[in-house]
Amino acid sequence: MVKALIIDDEKHCSDNLQWQLNQYCPEVELVAICNSAEEGLNEIYRKQPQLVFLDVEMTLMSGFDFLSLQKNKNFDVIFSTAFTCQVPRF
């Protein structure tokens, strides 16, 4: 089992991701869902996940700012976002 944590300030997004993980990734054990970066900082320390699903744009700090606060990052990160990204065409 892979211990995972979701950090997303939009509840419908974290609910959707939780549903997808439950449906399609039985090897992922969701140990916490955090609705703010601050909550995520505490839960990472407490739960020691191997994988973090991290929203890019959050209210008080971005996912990138959040990662810069991690002194000893011992987990992998999958970034998630609800924003449309423009991919350049070559």
C-alpha atoms as a PDB file:
ATOM      1  CA  MET A   1       0.000   0.000   0.000  1.00  0.00           C
ATOM      2  CA  VAL A   2       1.060   3.551  -0.774  1.00  0.00           C
ATOM      3  CA  LYS A   3       0.121   6.059   1.936  1.00  0.00           C
ATOM      4  CA  ALA A   4      -1.202   9.211   0.261  1.00  0.00           C
ATOM      5  CA  LEU A   5      -2.490  12.612   1.283  1.00  0.00           C
ATOM      6  CA  ILE A   6      -4.530  15.188  -0.659  1.00  0.00           C
ATOM      7  CA  ILE A   7      -3.998  18.933  -0.185  1.00  0.00           C
ATOM      8  CA  ASP A   8      -6.588  21.028  -2.022  1.00  0.00           C
ATOM      9  CA  ASP A   9      -8.555  24.056  -0.868  1.00  0.00           C
ATOM     10  CA  GLU A  10     -11.560  23.228  -3.059  1.00  0.00           C
ATOM     11  CA  LYS A  11     -13.619  20.473  -1.448  1.00  0.00           C
ATOM     12  CA  HIS A  12     -15.280  19.313  -4.673  1.00  0.00           C
ATOM     13  CA  CYS A  13     -11.822  18.773  -6.211  1.00  0.00           C
ATOM     14  CA  SER A  14     -10.503  16.745  -3.281  1.00  0.00           C
ATOM     15  CA  ASP A  15     -13.769  14.774  -3.173  1.00  0.00           C
ATOM     16  CA  ASN A  16     -13.451  13.978  -6.873  1.00  0.00           C
ATOM     17  CA  LEU A  17      -9.820  12.906  -6.498  1.00  0.00           C
ATOM     18  CA  GLN A  18     -10.729  10.756  -3.490  1.00  0.00           C
ATOM     19  CA  TRP A  19     -13.466   9.053  -5.527  1.00  0.00           C
ATOM     20  CA  GLN A  20     -11.071   8.395  -8.419  1.00  0.00           C
ATOM     21  CA  LEU A  21      -8.446   6.929  -6.104  1.00  0.00           C
ATOM     22  CA  ASN A  22     -11.035   4.678  -4.446  1.00  0.00           C
ATOM     23  CA  GLN A  23     -12.343   3.506  -7.825  1.00  0.00           C
ATOM     24  CA  TYR A  24      -9.111   3.031  -9.753  1.00  0.00           C
ATOM     25  CA  CYS A  25      -6.199   2.811  -7.322  1.00  0.00           C
ATOM     26  CA  PRO A  26      -6.905   0.239  -4.615  1.00  0.00           C
ATOM     27  CA  GLU A  27      -3.184   0.180  -3.753  1.00  0.00           C
ATOM     28  CA  VAL A  28      -3.389   3.800  -2.544  1.00  0.00           C
ATOM     29  CA  GLU A  29      -4.385   4.275   1.093  1.00  0.00           C
ATOM     30  CA  LEU A  30      -5.663   7.817   1.598  1.00  0.00           C
ATOM     31  CA  VAL A  31      -4.522   8.824   5.100  1.00  0.00           C
ATOM     32  CA  ALA A  32      -5.801  12.430   5.092  1.00  0.00           C
ATOM     33  CA  ILE A  33      -7.556  15.091   3.048  1.00  0.00           C
ATOM     34  CA  CYS A  34      -6.430  18.620   3.860  1.00  0.00           C
ATOM     35  CA  ASN A  35      -8.384  21.711   2.831  1.00  0.00           C
ATOM     36  CA  SER A  36      -5.510  24.155   3.311  1.00  0.00           C
ATOM     37  CA  ALA A  37      -1.749  24.234   2.980  1.00  0.00           C
ATOM     38  CA  GLU A  38      -1.427  24.884   6.716  1.00  0.00           C
ATOM     39  CA  GLU A  39      -3.431  21.773   7.522  1.00  0.00           C
ATOM     40  CA  GLY A  40      -1.294  19.865   5.012  1.00  0.00           C
ATOM     41  CA  LEU A  41       1.914  20.906   6.795  1.00  0.00           C
ATOM     42  CA  ASN A  42       0.636  19.389  10.040  1.00  0.00           C
ATOM     43  CA  GLU A  43      -0.732  16.222   8.467  1.00  0.00           C
ATOM     44  CA  ILE A  44       2.445  15.483   6.502  1.00  0.00           C
ATOM     45  CA  TYR A  45       4.360  15.624   9.771  1.00  0.00           C
ATOM     46  CA  ARG A  46       1.798  13.421  11.567  1.00  0.00           C
ATOM     47  CA  LYS A  47       0.947  10.879   8.841  1.00  0.00           C
ATOM     48  CA  GLN A  48       4.288  10.603   6.968  1.00  0.00           C
ATOM     49  CA  PRO A  49       2.740   9.890   3.530  1.00  0.00           C
ATOM     50  CA  GLN A  50       4.722   8.479   0.633  1.00  0.00           C
ATOM     51  CA  LEU A  51       2.696  10.441  -1.915  1.00  0.00           C
ATOM     52  CA  VAL A  52       1.064  13.889  -1.808  1.00  0.00           C
ATOM     53  CA  PHE A  53      -1.538  15.120  -4.296  1.00  0.00           C
ATOM     54  CA  LEU A  54      -0.953  18.865  -4.168  1.00  0.00           C
ATOM     55  CA  ASP A  55      -3.113  21.637  -5.614  1.00  0.00           C
ATOM     56  CA  VAL A  56      -1.101  24.271  -7.502  1.00  0.00           C
ATOM     57  CA  GLU A  57      -3.291  27.303  -6.703  1.00  0.00           C
ATOM     58  CA  MET A  58      -4.535  27.623  -3.135  1.00  0.00           C
ATOM     59  CA  THR A  59      -5.842  30.555  -1.127  1.00  0.00           C
ATOM     60  CA  LEU A  60      -2.948  31.492   1.160  1.00  0.00           C
ATOM     61  CA  MET A  61      -0.004  29.866  -0.610  1.00  0.00           C
ATOM     62  CA  SER A  62       0.686  28.037  -3.834  1.00  0.00           C
ATOM     63  CA  GLY A  63       1.649  24.392  -3.976  1.00  0.00           C
ATOM     64  CA  PHE A  64       5.149  25.499  -4.955  1.00  0.00           C
ATOM     65  CA  ASP A  65       5.396  27.773  -1.897  1.00  0.00           C
ATOM     66  CA  PHE A  66       4.163  24.855   0.193  1.00  0.00           C
ATOM     67  CA  LEU A  67       6.946  22.623  -1.115  1.00  0.00           C
ATOM     68  CA  SER A  68       9.576  25.274  -0.400  1.00  0.00           C
ATOM     69  CA  LEU A  69       8.614  25.002   3.309  1.00  0.00           C
ATOM     70  CA  GLN A  70       9.408  21.284   3.370  1.00  0.00           C
ATOM     71  CA  LYS A  71      12.851  20.850   4.908  1.00  0.00           C
ATOM     72  CA  ASN A  72      13.132  17.060   4.582  1.00  0.00           C
ATOM     73  CA  LYS A  73      10.772  16.133   1.761  1.00  0.00           C
ATOM     74  CA  ASN A  74      10.509  12.347   1.904  1.00  0.00           C
ATOM     75  CA  PHE A  75       7.433  11.947  -0.304  1.00  0.00           C
ATOM     76  CA  ASP A  76       6.616  12.118  -3.994  1.00  0.00           C
ATOM     77  CA  VAL A  77       4.296  14.822  -5.333  1.00  0.00           C
ATOM     78  CA  ILE A  78       1.593  14.794  -7.981  1.00  0.00           C
ATOM     79  CA  PHE A  79       0.419  18.317  -8.758  1.00  0.00           C
ATOM     80  CA  SER A  80      -3.268  18.848  -9.413  1.00  0.00           C
ATOM     81  CA  THR A  81      -5.112  21.916 -10.630  1.00  0.00           C
ATOM     82  CA  ALA A  82      -8.600  22.924 -11.712  1.00  0.00           C
ATOM     83  CA  PHE A  83      -7.217  25.657 -13.951  1.00  0.00           C
ATOM     84  CA  THR A  84      -6.973  25.248 -17.704  1.00  0.00           C
ATOM     85  CA  CYS A  85      -3.385  25.198 -18.889  1.00  0.00           C
ATOM     86  CA  GLN A  86      -2.365  26.462 -22.273  1.00  0.00           C
ATOM     87  CA  VAL A  87       0.091  24.129 -23.942  1.00  0.00           C
ATOM     88  CA  PRO A  88       2.236  25.817 -26.585  1.00  0.00           C
ATOM     89  CA  ARG A  89       2.100  24.296 -30.039  1.00  0.00           C
ATOM     90  CA  PHE A  90       5.334  23.883 -31.922  1.00  0.00           C
END
